N, C-alpha and C. Protein backbone atom coordinates (compact mmCIF):
# COMPACT_ATOMS: atom_id res chain seq x y z
N MET A 1 -70.39 24.42 29.64
CA MET A 1 -69.06 23.89 29.33
C MET A 1 -69.15 22.37 29.21
N SER A 2 -68.69 21.84 28.13
CA SER A 2 -68.81 20.40 27.91
C SER A 2 -67.44 19.76 28.00
N THR A 3 -67.44 18.50 28.37
CA THR A 3 -66.20 17.72 28.41
C THR A 3 -66.31 16.58 27.42
N SER A 4 -65.19 16.19 26.88
CA SER A 4 -65.19 15.08 25.91
C SER A 4 -64.40 13.93 26.50
N ARG A 5 -64.82 12.73 26.18
CA ARG A 5 -64.13 11.53 26.64
C ARG A 5 -63.60 10.76 25.45
N ARG A 6 -62.44 10.20 25.65
CA ARG A 6 -61.86 9.40 24.58
C ARG A 6 -62.63 8.09 24.48
N GLY A 7 -63.24 7.83 23.35
CA GLY A 7 -64.01 6.60 23.18
C GLY A 7 -63.29 5.63 22.28
N ARG A 8 -63.82 4.43 22.20
CA ARG A 8 -63.24 3.42 21.33
C ARG A 8 -63.54 3.72 19.88
N ARG A 9 -62.57 3.46 19.07
CA ARG A 9 -62.76 3.64 17.64
C ARG A 9 -63.48 2.42 17.07
N GLY A 10 -64.15 2.65 15.98
CA GLY A 10 -64.83 1.55 15.32
C GLY A 10 -63.88 0.81 14.40
N GLY A 11 -64.42 0.13 13.43
CA GLY A 11 -63.59 -0.65 12.54
C GLY A 11 -63.16 0.08 11.30
N GLY A 12 -63.38 1.39 11.25
CA GLY A 12 -63.01 2.14 10.06
C GLY A 12 -61.54 2.49 10.04
N GLY A 13 -61.07 3.08 8.94
CA GLY A 13 -59.69 3.50 8.83
C GLY A 13 -58.74 2.31 8.87
N ASP A 14 -57.53 2.60 9.25
CA ASP A 14 -56.51 1.54 9.33
C ASP A 14 -56.54 0.91 10.71
N THR A 15 -57.61 0.20 11.02
CA THR A 15 -57.76 -0.39 12.36
C THR A 15 -56.67 -1.40 12.63
N ARG A 16 -56.34 -2.22 11.65
CA ARG A 16 -55.28 -3.22 11.84
C ARG A 16 -53.97 -2.52 12.17
N GLY A 17 -53.68 -1.43 11.47
CA GLY A 17 -52.46 -0.69 11.73
C GLY A 17 -52.44 -0.08 13.12
N GLN A 18 -53.60 0.42 13.58
CA GLN A 18 -53.69 0.98 14.93
C GLN A 18 -53.38 -0.09 15.97
N ILE A 19 -53.95 -1.27 15.77
CA ILE A 19 -53.73 -2.37 16.71
C ILE A 19 -52.27 -2.79 16.71
N LEU A 20 -51.68 -2.88 15.53
CA LEU A 20 -50.29 -3.31 15.42
C LEU A 20 -49.35 -2.28 16.06
N THR A 21 -49.62 -1.01 15.84
CA THR A 21 -48.80 0.05 16.46
C THR A 21 -48.89 -0.02 17.98
N ALA A 22 -50.09 -0.25 18.49
CA ALA A 22 -50.28 -0.37 19.94
C ALA A 22 -49.53 -1.58 20.48
N ALA A 23 -49.61 -2.69 19.76
CA ALA A 23 -48.93 -3.91 20.20
C ALA A 23 -47.42 -3.71 20.22
N GLN A 24 -46.87 -3.09 19.19
CA GLN A 24 -45.44 -2.83 19.13
C GLN A 24 -45.00 -1.99 20.33
N LYS A 25 -45.76 -0.97 20.65
CA LYS A 25 -45.43 -0.09 21.77
C LYS A 25 -45.45 -0.85 23.10
N LEU A 26 -46.50 -1.62 23.33
CA LEU A 26 -46.64 -2.32 24.61
C LEU A 26 -45.67 -3.49 24.75
N PHE A 27 -45.43 -4.23 23.66
CA PHE A 27 -44.44 -5.30 23.72
C PHE A 27 -43.06 -4.74 24.05
N ALA A 28 -42.72 -3.60 23.45
CA ALA A 28 -41.41 -2.98 23.70
C ALA A 28 -41.30 -2.48 25.13
N GLU A 29 -42.40 -1.96 25.68
CA GLU A 29 -42.37 -1.39 27.03
C GLU A 29 -42.51 -2.43 28.14
N HIS A 30 -43.37 -3.43 27.91
CA HIS A 30 -43.72 -4.35 28.99
C HIS A 30 -43.36 -5.81 28.71
N GLY A 31 -42.85 -6.10 27.53
CA GLY A 31 -42.54 -7.48 27.19
C GLY A 31 -43.78 -8.28 26.82
N TYR A 32 -43.55 -9.49 26.36
CA TYR A 32 -44.65 -10.34 25.91
C TYR A 32 -45.57 -10.73 27.06
N GLU A 33 -44.98 -11.20 28.16
CA GLU A 33 -45.78 -11.67 29.28
C GLU A 33 -46.54 -10.52 29.95
N GLY A 34 -45.97 -9.32 29.92
CA GLY A 34 -46.61 -8.19 30.58
C GLY A 34 -47.63 -7.45 29.73
N THR A 35 -47.89 -7.97 28.55
CA THR A 35 -48.85 -7.33 27.64
C THR A 35 -50.02 -8.27 27.38
N SER A 36 -51.23 -7.77 27.54
CA SER A 36 -52.43 -8.57 27.27
C SER A 36 -53.14 -8.04 26.03
N LEU A 37 -54.00 -8.87 25.47
CA LEU A 37 -54.78 -8.42 24.31
C LEU A 37 -55.70 -7.27 24.70
N ARG A 38 -56.21 -7.30 25.91
CA ARG A 38 -57.08 -6.21 26.37
C ARG A 38 -56.32 -4.89 26.48
N SER A 39 -55.07 -4.97 26.97
CA SER A 39 -54.28 -3.74 27.07
C SER A 39 -53.94 -3.20 25.69
N ILE A 40 -53.74 -4.09 24.73
CA ILE A 40 -53.49 -3.66 23.35
C ILE A 40 -54.73 -2.98 22.79
N ALA A 41 -55.90 -3.58 23.05
CA ALA A 41 -57.16 -2.98 22.59
C ALA A 41 -57.35 -1.59 23.19
N ARG A 42 -57.06 -1.44 24.49
CA ARG A 42 -57.20 -0.13 25.12
C ARG A 42 -56.25 0.89 24.50
N GLU A 43 -55.01 0.48 24.28
CA GLU A 43 -54.03 1.39 23.69
C GLU A 43 -54.43 1.81 22.28
N ALA A 44 -55.02 0.88 21.54
CA ALA A 44 -55.44 1.16 20.16
C ALA A 44 -56.79 1.84 20.08
N GLU A 45 -57.47 1.92 21.26
CA GLU A 45 -58.80 2.53 21.34
C GLU A 45 -59.82 1.78 20.47
N VAL A 46 -59.77 0.46 20.56
CA VAL A 46 -60.74 -0.38 19.85
C VAL A 46 -61.27 -1.42 20.83
N GLY A 47 -62.34 -2.06 20.47
CA GLY A 47 -62.88 -3.14 21.28
C GLY A 47 -62.02 -4.39 21.16
N PRO A 48 -61.96 -5.21 22.19
CA PRO A 48 -61.18 -6.45 22.15
C PRO A 48 -61.56 -7.36 20.98
N ALA A 49 -62.83 -7.33 20.59
CA ALA A 49 -63.28 -8.19 19.49
C ALA A 49 -62.56 -7.86 18.19
N LEU A 50 -62.24 -6.56 18.00
CA LEU A 50 -61.54 -6.17 16.77
C LEU A 50 -60.11 -6.70 16.75
N VAL A 51 -59.48 -6.80 17.92
CA VAL A 51 -58.14 -7.37 17.96
C VAL A 51 -58.19 -8.81 17.50
N HIS A 52 -59.19 -9.56 17.99
CA HIS A 52 -59.35 -10.96 17.58
C HIS A 52 -59.76 -11.07 16.11
N HIS A 53 -60.43 -10.06 15.60
CA HIS A 53 -60.84 -10.08 14.19
C HIS A 53 -59.63 -10.01 13.26
N TYR A 54 -58.65 -9.19 13.62
CA TYR A 54 -57.50 -8.98 12.75
C TYR A 54 -56.33 -9.92 13.04
N PHE A 55 -56.26 -10.44 14.27
CA PHE A 55 -55.12 -11.29 14.64
C PHE A 55 -55.62 -12.52 15.40
N ASP A 56 -54.96 -13.66 15.17
CA ASP A 56 -55.38 -14.91 15.78
C ASP A 56 -55.05 -15.00 17.27
N GLY A 57 -54.22 -14.11 17.76
CA GLY A 57 -53.87 -14.14 19.18
C GLY A 57 -52.61 -13.34 19.42
N LYS A 58 -52.10 -13.40 20.64
CA LYS A 58 -50.94 -12.60 21.01
C LYS A 58 -49.69 -13.04 20.24
N GLU A 59 -49.53 -14.33 20.02
CA GLU A 59 -48.38 -14.81 19.25
C GLU A 59 -48.39 -14.23 17.84
N ALA A 60 -49.57 -14.19 17.24
CA ALA A 60 -49.68 -13.64 15.89
C ALA A 60 -49.37 -12.15 15.88
N LEU A 61 -49.77 -11.45 16.92
CA LEU A 61 -49.46 -10.03 17.04
C LEU A 61 -47.96 -9.80 17.18
N LEU A 62 -47.31 -10.62 17.99
CA LEU A 62 -45.87 -10.49 18.15
C LEU A 62 -45.15 -10.77 16.84
N ALA A 63 -45.61 -11.79 16.13
CA ALA A 63 -45.00 -12.12 14.84
C ALA A 63 -45.15 -10.97 13.86
N ALA A 64 -46.30 -10.32 13.87
CA ALA A 64 -46.54 -9.19 12.96
C ALA A 64 -45.80 -7.94 13.39
N SER A 65 -45.46 -7.83 14.67
CA SER A 65 -44.79 -6.64 15.18
C SER A 65 -43.37 -6.50 14.66
N VAL A 66 -42.73 -7.62 14.40
CA VAL A 66 -41.39 -7.62 13.81
C VAL A 66 -41.45 -8.50 12.57
N GLU A 67 -41.34 -7.91 11.42
CA GLU A 67 -41.47 -8.66 10.17
C GLU A 67 -40.15 -9.38 9.87
N LEU A 68 -40.11 -10.66 10.19
CA LEU A 68 -38.93 -11.46 9.93
C LEU A 68 -38.92 -11.93 8.48
N PRO A 69 -37.74 -11.96 7.86
CA PRO A 69 -37.66 -12.40 6.46
C PRO A 69 -38.00 -13.88 6.27
N ALA A 70 -37.93 -14.67 7.34
CA ALA A 70 -38.23 -16.11 7.26
C ALA A 70 -38.91 -16.55 8.54
N ASN A 71 -39.68 -17.62 8.44
CA ASN A 71 -40.37 -18.18 9.60
C ASN A 71 -39.40 -19.02 10.42
N PRO A 72 -39.14 -18.62 11.68
CA PRO A 72 -38.17 -19.36 12.50
C PRO A 72 -38.47 -20.85 12.64
N ARG A 73 -39.76 -21.20 12.79
CA ARG A 73 -40.11 -22.61 12.96
C ARG A 73 -39.76 -23.42 11.72
N GLU A 74 -39.94 -22.82 10.55
CA GLU A 74 -39.60 -23.53 9.32
C GLU A 74 -38.09 -23.64 9.15
N VAL A 75 -37.38 -22.54 9.42
CA VAL A 75 -35.93 -22.53 9.26
C VAL A 75 -35.26 -23.52 10.22
N LEU A 76 -35.77 -23.57 11.46
CA LEU A 76 -35.14 -24.37 12.51
C LEU A 76 -35.76 -25.76 12.68
N ALA A 77 -36.65 -26.13 11.78
CA ALA A 77 -37.35 -27.41 11.92
C ALA A 77 -36.39 -28.58 12.00
N GLY A 78 -35.36 -28.59 11.17
CA GLY A 78 -34.39 -29.68 11.18
C GLY A 78 -33.56 -29.73 12.45
N VAL A 79 -33.29 -28.56 13.03
CA VAL A 79 -32.52 -28.50 14.27
C VAL A 79 -33.36 -29.01 15.44
N ALA A 80 -34.61 -28.60 15.49
CA ALA A 80 -35.48 -28.95 16.62
C ALA A 80 -35.75 -30.44 16.73
N THR A 81 -35.63 -31.17 15.63
CA THR A 81 -35.90 -32.61 15.67
C THR A 81 -34.71 -33.41 16.19
N LEU A 82 -33.55 -32.78 16.30
CA LEU A 82 -32.35 -33.49 16.75
C LEU A 82 -32.30 -33.53 18.28
N PRO A 83 -31.62 -34.53 18.84
CA PRO A 83 -31.39 -34.52 20.29
C PRO A 83 -30.57 -33.28 20.65
N PRO A 84 -30.79 -32.70 21.83
CA PRO A 84 -30.04 -31.50 22.22
C PRO A 84 -28.54 -31.63 22.07
N ALA A 85 -27.99 -32.82 22.31
CA ALA A 85 -26.54 -33.03 22.24
C ALA A 85 -26.01 -32.95 20.81
N GLU A 86 -26.90 -32.89 19.82
CA GLU A 86 -26.46 -32.86 18.42
C GLU A 86 -26.88 -31.57 17.70
N ARG A 87 -27.36 -30.59 18.44
CA ARG A 87 -27.93 -29.41 17.80
C ARG A 87 -26.91 -28.32 17.44
N GLY A 88 -25.75 -28.31 18.10
CA GLY A 88 -24.82 -27.21 17.91
C GLY A 88 -24.40 -27.00 16.47
N ALA A 89 -23.82 -28.01 15.85
CA ALA A 89 -23.35 -27.89 14.48
C ALA A 89 -24.51 -27.65 13.52
N ALA A 90 -25.62 -28.34 13.75
CA ALA A 90 -26.78 -28.18 12.87
C ALA A 90 -27.32 -26.75 12.92
N LEU A 91 -27.31 -26.15 14.12
CA LEU A 91 -27.80 -24.78 14.25
C LEU A 91 -26.90 -23.81 13.51
N VAL A 92 -25.60 -23.92 13.71
CA VAL A 92 -24.68 -23.01 13.02
C VAL A 92 -24.78 -23.18 11.51
N ARG A 93 -24.84 -24.43 11.05
CA ARG A 93 -24.94 -24.69 9.61
C ARG A 93 -26.24 -24.12 9.04
N THR A 94 -27.33 -24.25 9.77
CA THR A 94 -28.62 -23.74 9.31
C THR A 94 -28.62 -22.22 9.22
N LEU A 95 -28.06 -21.56 10.22
CA LEU A 95 -28.02 -20.09 10.22
C LEU A 95 -27.11 -19.55 9.12
N LEU A 96 -25.99 -20.21 8.88
CA LEU A 96 -25.11 -19.77 7.80
C LEU A 96 -25.79 -19.93 6.45
N ALA A 97 -26.51 -21.03 6.26
CA ALA A 97 -27.23 -21.24 5.01
C ALA A 97 -28.29 -20.16 4.81
N LEU A 98 -28.96 -19.75 5.88
CA LEU A 98 -29.95 -18.68 5.79
C LEU A 98 -29.29 -17.37 5.41
N TRP A 99 -28.17 -17.05 6.05
CA TRP A 99 -27.50 -15.78 5.79
C TRP A 99 -26.80 -15.75 4.43
N ASP A 100 -26.48 -16.90 3.89
CA ASP A 100 -25.86 -16.95 2.57
C ASP A 100 -26.90 -17.07 1.45
N SER A 101 -28.17 -17.00 1.81
CA SER A 101 -29.26 -17.11 0.85
C SER A 101 -29.65 -15.73 0.31
N PRO A 102 -30.57 -15.66 -0.65
CA PRO A 102 -31.04 -14.36 -1.17
C PRO A 102 -31.72 -13.49 -0.12
N LEU A 103 -31.99 -14.03 1.07
CA LEU A 103 -32.61 -13.24 2.13
C LEU A 103 -31.61 -12.36 2.87
N GLN A 104 -30.32 -12.46 2.53
CA GLN A 104 -29.31 -11.71 3.27
C GLN A 104 -29.56 -10.20 3.34
N PRO A 105 -29.94 -9.52 2.25
CA PRO A 105 -30.20 -8.07 2.36
C PRO A 105 -31.29 -7.73 3.37
N ALA A 106 -32.36 -8.51 3.39
CA ALA A 106 -33.44 -8.27 4.34
C ALA A 106 -32.98 -8.54 5.77
N LEU A 107 -32.15 -9.55 5.95
CA LEU A 107 -31.62 -9.87 7.27
C LEU A 107 -30.68 -8.77 7.77
N LEU A 108 -29.86 -8.24 6.87
CA LEU A 108 -28.96 -7.15 7.23
C LEU A 108 -29.75 -5.91 7.67
N THR A 109 -30.81 -5.61 6.94
CA THR A 109 -31.66 -4.48 7.31
C THR A 109 -32.26 -4.69 8.69
N LEU A 110 -32.71 -5.90 8.96
CA LEU A 110 -33.30 -6.21 10.26
C LEU A 110 -32.29 -6.02 11.39
N VAL A 111 -31.08 -6.51 11.21
CA VAL A 111 -30.04 -6.39 12.24
C VAL A 111 -29.69 -4.93 12.48
N ARG A 112 -29.50 -4.18 11.41
CA ARG A 112 -29.11 -2.77 11.55
C ARG A 112 -30.23 -1.95 12.20
N THR A 113 -31.46 -2.25 11.85
CA THR A 113 -32.59 -1.55 12.47
C THR A 113 -32.69 -1.88 13.95
N THR A 114 -32.48 -3.16 14.27
CA THR A 114 -32.56 -3.59 15.67
C THR A 114 -31.48 -2.93 16.52
N ILE A 115 -30.26 -2.90 16.01
CA ILE A 115 -29.15 -2.31 16.75
C ILE A 115 -29.36 -0.82 16.96
N GLY A 116 -29.95 -0.14 15.97
CA GLY A 116 -30.07 1.31 16.02
C GLY A 116 -31.29 1.86 16.72
N SER A 117 -32.16 1.00 17.23
CA SER A 117 -33.40 1.47 17.84
C SER A 117 -33.66 0.74 19.15
N LYS A 118 -33.88 1.51 20.23
CA LYS A 118 -34.16 0.92 21.53
C LYS A 118 -35.45 0.12 21.51
N SER A 119 -36.50 0.67 20.88
CA SER A 119 -37.78 -0.02 20.85
C SER A 119 -37.70 -1.28 19.99
N GLN A 120 -36.99 -1.20 18.86
CA GLN A 120 -36.84 -2.38 18.02
C GLN A 120 -36.01 -3.46 18.71
N SER A 121 -35.02 -3.04 19.49
CA SER A 121 -34.22 -4.01 20.25
C SER A 121 -35.11 -4.74 21.27
N ALA A 122 -35.99 -3.99 21.92
CA ALA A 122 -36.89 -4.60 22.91
C ALA A 122 -37.84 -5.58 22.22
N LEU A 123 -38.36 -5.20 21.07
CA LEU A 123 -39.24 -6.10 20.32
C LEU A 123 -38.50 -7.36 19.89
N MET A 124 -37.28 -7.18 19.39
CA MET A 124 -36.52 -8.33 18.92
C MET A 124 -36.20 -9.28 20.08
N ARG A 125 -35.98 -8.74 21.27
CA ARG A 125 -35.75 -9.58 22.43
C ARG A 125 -36.91 -10.52 22.67
N GLU A 126 -38.13 -10.00 22.55
CA GLU A 126 -39.32 -10.83 22.75
C GLU A 126 -39.47 -11.86 21.63
N VAL A 127 -39.16 -11.44 20.39
CA VAL A 127 -39.25 -12.37 19.26
C VAL A 127 -38.23 -13.50 19.43
N LEU A 128 -37.02 -13.16 19.83
CA LEU A 128 -36.00 -14.19 20.03
C LEU A 128 -36.43 -15.20 21.09
N ARG A 129 -36.99 -14.70 22.19
CA ARG A 129 -37.39 -15.60 23.26
C ARG A 129 -38.57 -16.47 22.86
N ARG A 130 -39.58 -15.87 22.25
CA ARG A 130 -40.83 -16.58 21.98
C ARG A 130 -40.80 -17.40 20.69
N ARG A 131 -40.11 -16.92 19.66
CA ARG A 131 -40.22 -17.56 18.35
C ARG A 131 -38.96 -18.29 17.91
N VAL A 132 -37.83 -17.98 18.53
CA VAL A 132 -36.58 -18.63 18.12
C VAL A 132 -36.05 -19.57 19.21
N LEU A 133 -35.79 -19.02 20.39
CA LEU A 133 -35.22 -19.84 21.45
C LEU A 133 -36.16 -20.93 21.92
N ASN A 134 -37.46 -20.68 21.89
CA ASN A 134 -38.41 -21.73 22.28
C ASN A 134 -38.28 -22.96 21.38
N VAL A 135 -37.93 -22.73 20.12
CA VAL A 135 -37.75 -23.84 19.18
C VAL A 135 -36.42 -24.54 19.44
N ILE A 136 -35.35 -23.75 19.56
CA ILE A 136 -34.02 -24.33 19.74
C ILE A 136 -33.90 -25.08 21.06
N MET A 137 -34.52 -24.54 22.12
CA MET A 137 -34.35 -25.10 23.46
C MET A 137 -35.40 -26.15 23.81
N ALA A 138 -36.27 -26.48 22.90
CA ALA A 138 -37.32 -27.47 23.18
C ALA A 138 -36.70 -28.81 23.56
N GLY A 139 -37.23 -29.43 24.61
CA GLY A 139 -36.78 -30.75 25.03
C GLY A 139 -35.51 -30.76 25.84
N MET A 140 -35.03 -29.59 26.25
CA MET A 140 -33.80 -29.54 27.05
C MET A 140 -34.07 -30.07 28.46
N ALA A 141 -33.11 -30.83 29.00
CA ALA A 141 -33.27 -31.42 30.33
C ALA A 141 -32.78 -30.45 31.40
N CYS A 142 -33.46 -29.31 31.52
CA CYS A 142 -33.09 -28.33 32.54
C CYS A 142 -34.32 -27.47 32.83
N ASP A 143 -34.28 -26.74 33.94
CA ASP A 143 -35.43 -25.90 34.27
C ASP A 143 -35.44 -24.65 33.40
N LYS A 144 -36.50 -23.86 33.50
CA LYS A 144 -36.68 -22.73 32.58
C LYS A 144 -35.63 -21.66 32.78
N TYR A 145 -35.11 -21.51 34.00
CA TYR A 145 -34.10 -20.48 34.25
C TYR A 145 -32.78 -20.85 33.59
N GLU A 146 -32.40 -22.12 33.72
CA GLU A 146 -31.17 -22.56 33.07
C GLU A 146 -31.34 -22.53 31.55
N ALA A 147 -32.50 -22.93 31.06
CA ALA A 147 -32.75 -22.90 29.62
C ALA A 147 -32.66 -21.47 29.10
N GLN A 148 -33.17 -20.52 29.87
CA GLN A 148 -33.10 -19.12 29.45
C GLN A 148 -31.65 -18.64 29.39
N LEU A 149 -30.86 -18.98 30.41
CA LEU A 149 -29.46 -18.59 30.41
C LEU A 149 -28.72 -19.21 29.24
N ARG A 150 -28.92 -20.51 29.03
CA ARG A 150 -28.25 -21.19 27.93
C ARG A 150 -28.65 -20.56 26.59
N GLY A 151 -29.93 -20.25 26.44
CA GLY A 151 -30.39 -19.63 25.20
C GLY A 151 -29.77 -18.27 24.97
N GLU A 152 -29.65 -17.49 26.03
CA GLU A 152 -29.07 -16.15 25.88
C GLU A 152 -27.57 -16.20 25.61
N LEU A 153 -26.88 -17.16 26.22
CA LEU A 153 -25.46 -17.34 25.90
C LEU A 153 -25.30 -17.76 24.44
N LEU A 154 -26.17 -18.63 23.98
CA LEU A 154 -26.15 -19.07 22.59
C LEU A 154 -26.36 -17.89 21.65
N VAL A 155 -27.35 -17.03 21.96
CA VAL A 155 -27.61 -15.85 21.13
C VAL A 155 -26.38 -14.95 21.08
N SER A 156 -25.72 -14.76 22.23
CA SER A 156 -24.54 -13.90 22.25
C SER A 156 -23.46 -14.41 21.30
N GLN A 157 -23.29 -15.71 21.25
CA GLN A 157 -22.29 -16.30 20.37
C GLN A 157 -22.70 -16.17 18.90
N VAL A 158 -23.91 -16.54 18.61
CA VAL A 158 -24.38 -16.54 17.22
C VAL A 158 -24.51 -15.12 16.69
N PHE A 159 -25.03 -14.20 17.52
CA PHE A 159 -25.18 -12.82 17.07
C PHE A 159 -23.81 -12.19 16.80
N GLY A 160 -22.84 -12.49 17.67
CA GLY A 160 -21.49 -12.00 17.43
C GLY A 160 -20.92 -12.53 16.12
N LEU A 161 -21.18 -13.79 15.83
CA LEU A 161 -20.73 -14.39 14.58
C LEU A 161 -21.37 -13.70 13.38
N ILE A 162 -22.67 -13.49 13.45
CA ILE A 162 -23.39 -12.87 12.34
C ILE A 162 -22.89 -11.45 12.07
N VAL A 163 -22.75 -10.67 13.14
CA VAL A 163 -22.28 -9.29 12.98
C VAL A 163 -20.86 -9.27 12.43
N SER A 164 -19.98 -10.12 12.95
CA SER A 164 -18.60 -10.13 12.51
C SER A 164 -18.45 -10.58 11.05
N ARG A 165 -19.21 -11.61 10.69
CA ARG A 165 -19.05 -12.20 9.35
C ARG A 165 -19.83 -11.46 8.27
N TYR A 166 -21.05 -10.98 8.59
CA TYR A 166 -21.91 -10.43 7.55
C TYR A 166 -22.13 -8.92 7.62
N VAL A 167 -22.02 -8.33 8.81
CA VAL A 167 -22.24 -6.89 8.93
C VAL A 167 -20.92 -6.14 8.85
N VAL A 168 -19.99 -6.43 9.77
CA VAL A 168 -18.68 -5.77 9.77
C VAL A 168 -17.74 -6.40 8.75
N LYS A 169 -17.94 -7.68 8.46
CA LYS A 169 -17.14 -8.44 7.51
C LYS A 169 -15.67 -8.48 7.89
N LEU A 170 -15.41 -8.92 9.12
CA LEU A 170 -14.04 -9.06 9.59
C LEU A 170 -13.35 -10.20 8.84
N GLU A 171 -12.14 -9.95 8.43
CA GLU A 171 -11.34 -10.98 7.76
C GLU A 171 -10.30 -11.53 8.75
N PRO A 172 -10.02 -12.83 8.65
CA PRO A 172 -10.43 -13.77 7.59
C PRO A 172 -11.77 -14.47 7.82
N LEU A 173 -12.46 -14.15 8.93
CA LEU A 173 -13.72 -14.84 9.23
C LEU A 173 -14.72 -14.73 8.09
N ALA A 174 -14.83 -13.56 7.50
CA ALA A 174 -15.84 -13.35 6.46
C ALA A 174 -15.60 -14.22 5.23
N SER A 175 -14.36 -14.61 5.00
CA SER A 175 -14.05 -15.39 3.80
C SER A 175 -13.92 -16.89 4.04
N LEU A 176 -14.02 -17.31 5.28
CA LEU A 176 -13.96 -18.75 5.55
C LEU A 176 -15.15 -19.46 4.93
N SER A 177 -14.97 -20.71 4.58
CA SER A 177 -16.09 -21.50 4.09
C SER A 177 -17.07 -21.75 5.22
N SER A 178 -18.30 -22.02 4.86
CA SER A 178 -19.32 -22.28 5.87
C SER A 178 -18.94 -23.46 6.76
N GLU A 179 -18.42 -24.52 6.16
CA GLU A 179 -18.07 -25.71 6.93
C GLU A 179 -16.92 -25.44 7.89
N GLU A 180 -16.00 -24.54 7.50
CA GLU A 180 -14.91 -24.19 8.40
C GLU A 180 -15.44 -23.40 9.59
N VAL A 181 -16.40 -22.53 9.34
CA VAL A 181 -17.03 -21.77 10.43
C VAL A 181 -17.77 -22.73 11.36
N VAL A 182 -18.48 -23.67 10.78
CA VAL A 182 -19.19 -24.67 11.59
C VAL A 182 -18.21 -25.42 12.48
N ARG A 183 -17.08 -25.83 11.92
CA ARG A 183 -16.08 -26.59 12.68
C ARG A 183 -15.54 -25.78 13.85
N LEU A 184 -15.33 -24.48 13.62
CA LEU A 184 -14.70 -23.64 14.64
C LEU A 184 -15.69 -23.15 15.71
N VAL A 185 -16.92 -22.87 15.30
CA VAL A 185 -17.88 -22.21 16.19
C VAL A 185 -18.80 -23.19 16.90
N SER A 186 -19.16 -24.28 16.25
CA SER A 186 -20.19 -25.17 16.81
C SER A 186 -19.82 -25.78 18.17
N PRO A 187 -18.53 -26.05 18.48
CA PRO A 187 -18.25 -26.57 19.83
C PRO A 187 -18.66 -25.60 20.94
N THR A 188 -18.47 -24.30 20.71
CA THR A 188 -18.88 -23.33 21.71
C THR A 188 -20.40 -23.26 21.81
N VAL A 189 -21.07 -23.29 20.67
CA VAL A 189 -22.53 -23.27 20.65
C VAL A 189 -23.07 -24.51 21.37
N GLN A 190 -22.48 -25.66 21.10
CA GLN A 190 -22.93 -26.89 21.75
C GLN A 190 -22.68 -26.84 23.26
N HIS A 191 -21.57 -26.22 23.65
CA HIS A 191 -21.30 -26.09 25.09
C HIS A 191 -22.38 -25.27 25.77
N TYR A 192 -22.79 -24.18 25.14
CA TYR A 192 -23.86 -23.36 25.71
C TYR A 192 -25.18 -24.13 25.78
N LEU A 193 -25.38 -25.03 24.84
CA LEU A 193 -26.61 -25.82 24.84
C LEU A 193 -26.62 -26.89 25.92
N THR A 194 -25.54 -27.64 26.03
CA THR A 194 -25.57 -28.82 26.91
C THR A 194 -24.36 -28.97 27.82
N GLY A 195 -23.36 -28.10 27.69
CA GLY A 195 -22.14 -28.25 28.48
C GLY A 195 -22.32 -27.81 29.93
N ASP A 196 -21.30 -28.06 30.72
CA ASP A 196 -21.32 -27.69 32.13
C ASP A 196 -21.11 -26.18 32.27
N LEU A 197 -22.04 -25.50 32.91
CA LEU A 197 -21.96 -24.06 33.10
C LEU A 197 -21.39 -23.70 34.47
N GLY A 198 -21.06 -24.70 35.27
CA GLY A 198 -20.54 -24.44 36.60
C GLY A 198 -21.63 -23.95 37.54
N ASN A 199 -21.25 -23.26 38.58
CA ASN A 199 -22.23 -22.76 39.55
C ASN A 199 -22.73 -21.37 39.14
N TRP A 200 -24.01 -21.22 39.13
CA TRP A 200 -24.60 -19.91 38.83
C TRP A 200 -25.95 -19.84 39.54
N GLN A 201 -26.45 -18.64 39.73
CA GLN A 201 -27.74 -18.45 40.39
C GLN A 201 -28.63 -17.59 39.53
N ALA A 202 -29.92 -17.97 39.46
CA ALA A 202 -30.88 -17.21 38.67
C ALA A 202 -31.19 -15.90 39.37
């Protein structure tokens, strides 16, 4: 009677796809910090060297795990260069310009997929923290726990705006001009960035 052991796969077949599928699963289950390249290699049944062959590192794997229609660092470059006290209006204006661009259909698909899938929601949470909020919150004069809270409050405001204006299309919000939306929404966004949050505990 013989027994078989699961061995590592070589570089044949869709090795990149195997690695990416493993990364998506582990990022969704354990988050970015709780997932290592070695654990991804084990899940994909490949050697660690193959993971490095196909991807430049964990950040690259996370970026590939959720295909964003635009690069957050490029989109938010103008916002990140501003002092934190001036980022609110610039952020809202930048996001509205992105959503009013030809990328809107792809962005709508991304939002609907994220809302409808537990695993996609978990992946998007990691992408937001690592690739979006890290850019927006750079240079903030607060510790990481406060920065995380401020970032999550900011996301709640912006995500609600996006869903209301572009997904559900609530009126009259959906028909307001971009500058009117900036005028109305940016004070709240700026408050989440730099305003007084009162007493809270991490």
